[in-house]
Amino acid sequence: MSRKLWVLLALLAPMLVATPLAWFAASTDGRRTTVDRADARPVAIVLGAGLRRDGRPSLLLARRLDIAADLYHRGTVDAVLVTGADDEPAAMQRYLLAAGVPDAKIVGDAAGFRTWDSCVRAREVFGVRSAIVVTQRFHLPRAVVLCGAAGIDATGVGDASLEARGLATVYGWLREVPAAVKALGDTLLRPEPQRMGPPTSTLADALRAPRSSSES
């Protein structure tokens, strides 16, 4: 291979790698909004973002949960699906309870090992058809696209985390470049989640559960 061709490939490679991220951002522009402008949907899907050593949600995850609690208290959503790996959902549920979201309105999914798995399981296991997905802004375009590819009519509300966690947010944006490439493969190949399992009515039960008189 000639030197000129190597140089051309070196120049084109970053643009090709960044193309999926740019497309995700453009295609979801009208589906990303803010808490106060979000249209009502049955459920908020909160994607996991790690726990502290003491088992509490990380700062980025706590900020996602704060948004979900706000959406619930505003009446924008009627239930919250928290999805992550292993111990994450239990910690997320405890956080939401402390934020005033009733236990009957929170459903946990401990097999959300990655965003695609969370979206597919939300649709196939928990029966979600329409939702607001909640995450950081850097992750939001990919999350909305993947939920859509999984069959969910999804909008998204993102946390502007730059001031709270500057380095983590910058890293998040950088990480989205290769993550978007992988996500594009998920939308095309539709792989089976790491763990699927049978459908459950837990989210339907949460949606049917009445709000307390103090919330009405």
Foldseek 3Di string as FASTA:
>chain_A
DDPVVVVVCVVCVLVVLQVLVVVLCVVQVVQEDALVPDAADAEEEEEADDADPVLAGDPQSLLLLVSRLSCCLVVSYQAYEYEEADSRQVNSLVSSVVSPDDSLRYHYHRQCHDLLQSLLQCCFAANAAEYEYEGAPLCQSLNCVSNVLSRHNYGYYHDPCCVVDVVVVVVSNVVVSNVSVVSVVCSVVVDHRPDHDHHDHSNVSSSPDDDDPVSD
